Amino acid sequence: MVSYDSPIEFQLYREVLMNAWTLADDRQVVEMRTAGIPSKVIARRLGRSAVSISGRLSLLGVTLTQDWTLSEDAVIWNRYGKAPVRTWLDQLPGRTEGSVHARAHRLGMARPHRAWGE
């Protein structure tokens, strides 16, 4: 038998059990997220936090990032380090400046040196 040192400890344990994820919850959260519904909206619908939704999706292996295409890689190879990313980011729809820097790093390209004030 489990014993609790305080009523608060019991309450926390009870809340964890009451909010345990079920297979139906998993199915629902995956369906909503793959349909493009933001985690904040899913959280409200399921009565959970957005952090809880993101964590569960991660545990379930659900990612919504798109693989990089050869044409996107070509844009990076041709432009990275020659002009600020923000000036040609429109050629990579759906990508952020941070994701471009990360992809360039993965491609073995050094991050361009930025002068102070840039």
Protein backbone atom coordinates (compact mmCIF):
# COMPACT_ATOMS: atom_id res chain seq x y z
CA MET A 1 0.00 0.00 0.00
CA VAL A 2 1.23 3.48 -0.88
CA SER A 3 1.46 5.98 1.94
CA TYR A 4 1.48 9.74 1.59
CA ASP A 5 3.35 12.12 3.84
CA SER A 6 0.83 14.92 3.46
CA PRO A 7 -2.60 15.71 2.04
CA ILE A 8 -0.88 17.81 -0.62
CA GLU A 9 1.18 14.84 -1.78
CA PHE A 10 -1.99 12.76 -2.03
CA GLN A 11 -3.73 15.50 -4.02
CA LEU A 12 -0.82 15.75 -6.46
CA TYR A 13 -0.80 11.97 -6.93
CA ARG A 14 -4.56 11.99 -7.50
CA GLU A 15 -4.27 14.78 -10.10
CA VAL A 16 -1.59 12.88 -11.98
CA LEU A 17 -3.82 9.80 -12.11
CA MET A 18 -6.85 11.82 -13.13
CA ASN A 19 -4.95 13.39 -16.05
CA ALA A 20 -3.25 10.23 -17.30
CA TRP A 21 -3.14 10.02 -21.09
CA THR A 22 -5.37 7.41 -22.68
CA LEU A 23 -5.12 5.84 -26.14
CA ALA A 24 -8.15 7.89 -27.15
CA ASP A 25 -6.37 11.08 -26.00
CA ASP A 26 -3.28 10.11 -27.97
CA ARG A 27 -5.31 9.44 -31.10
CA GLN A 28 -7.20 12.71 -30.74
CA VAL A 29 -4.12 14.88 -30.15
CA VAL A 30 -2.28 13.32 -33.12
CA GLU A 31 -5.29 13.75 -35.44
CA MET A 32 -5.76 17.38 -34.44
CA ARG A 33 -2.08 18.28 -34.74
CA THR A 34 -1.59 16.60 -38.11
CA ALA A 35 -4.69 18.48 -39.29
CA GLY A 36 -2.75 21.66 -38.55
CA ILE A 37 -4.51 22.70 -35.36
CA PRO A 38 -2.11 24.66 -33.12
CA SER A 39 -1.05 23.10 -29.81
CA LYS A 40 -2.65 25.95 -27.84
CA VAL A 41 -6.06 25.20 -29.38
CA ILE A 42 -5.66 21.46 -28.81
CA ALA A 43 -4.74 22.17 -25.19
CA ARG A 44 -7.93 24.18 -24.64
CA ARG A 45 -10.06 21.48 -26.26
CA LEU A 46 -8.53 18.70 -24.18
CA GLY A 47 -8.24 20.66 -20.93
CA ARG A 48 -4.46 20.40 -20.82
CA SER A 49 -1.55 22.80 -21.11
CA ALA A 50 0.18 23.55 -24.40
CA VAL A 51 3.40 22.23 -22.84
CA SER A 52 1.62 18.97 -22.05
CA ILE A 53 0.41 18.68 -25.64
CA SER A 54 3.86 19.42 -27.08
CA GLY A 55 5.47 16.93 -24.72
CA ARG A 56 2.98 14.22 -25.59
CA LEU A 57 3.41 14.77 -29.32
CA SER A 58 7.16 14.50 -28.86
CA LEU A 59 6.79 11.24 -26.93
CA LEU A 60 4.57 9.91 -29.70
CA GLY A 61 7.16 10.87 -32.31
CA VAL A 62 4.92 13.37 -34.08
CA THR A 63 6.83 16.09 -35.88
CA LEU A 64 5.49 18.49 -38.43
CA THR A 65 8.74 19.75 -39.85
CA GLN A 66 9.18 19.37 -43.58
CA ASP A 67 12.23 17.65 -44.99
CA TRP A 68 14.57 19.97 -46.83
CA THR A 69 14.43 19.71 -50.62
CA LEU A 70 17.38 19.77 -52.98
CA SER A 71 16.18 23.08 -54.40
CA GLU A 72 16.08 24.61 -50.90
CA ASP A 73 19.59 23.33 -50.24
CA ALA A 74 20.70 24.89 -53.55
CA VAL A 75 19.34 28.28 -52.48
CA ILE A 76 21.30 28.02 -49.24
CA TRP A 77 24.50 26.95 -51.03
CA ASN A 78 24.20 29.85 -53.50
CA ARG A 79 23.24 32.61 -51.08
CA TYR A 80 24.39 31.75 -47.56
CA GLY A 81 27.19 34.01 -46.35
CA LYS A 82 26.90 36.32 -49.37
CA ALA A 83 23.88 38.30 -48.16
CA PRO A 84 21.93 38.36 -44.91
CA VAL A 85 19.48 35.48 -44.74
CA ARG A 86 16.54 37.83 -44.13
CA THR A 87 17.09 39.38 -47.59
CA TRP A 88 16.46 36.09 -49.42
CA LEU A 89 14.37 34.15 -46.90
CA ASP A 90 11.28 34.70 -49.08
CA GLN A 91 12.77 32.13 -51.49
CA LEU A 92 12.29 29.48 -48.78
CA PRO A 93 8.59 29.68 -47.85
CA GLY A 94 7.76 28.21 -44.47
CA ARG A 95 11.36 28.38 -43.25
CA THR A 96 12.66 30.64 -40.51
CA GLU A 97 15.97 32.43 -40.38
CA GLY A 98 17.02 30.14 -37.53
CA SER A 99 16.13 27.02 -39.50
CA VAL A 100 18.21 28.25 -42.45
CA HIS A 101 21.24 28.78 -40.20
CA ALA A 102 20.74 25.31 -38.73
CA ARG A 103 20.45 23.75 -42.20
CA ALA A 104 23.57 25.57 -43.42
CA HIS A 105 25.42 24.22 -40.39
CA ARG A 106 24.22 20.69 -41.21
CA LEU A 107 25.41 21.15 -44.77
CA GLY A 108 28.86 21.93 -43.40
CA MET A 109 28.76 25.64 -44.06
CA ALA A 110 30.16 27.93 -41.40
CA ARG A 111 27.81 30.55 -40.04
CA PRO A 112 28.77 33.83 -41.69
CA HIS A 113 30.72 36.27 -39.57
CA ARG A 114 28.51 39.19 -38.60
CA ALA A 115 30.00 42.60 -37.99
CA TRP A 116 28.94 44.43 -34.86
CA GLY A 117 25.68 46.24 -35.38
CA GLU A 118 24.37 43.97 -38.13
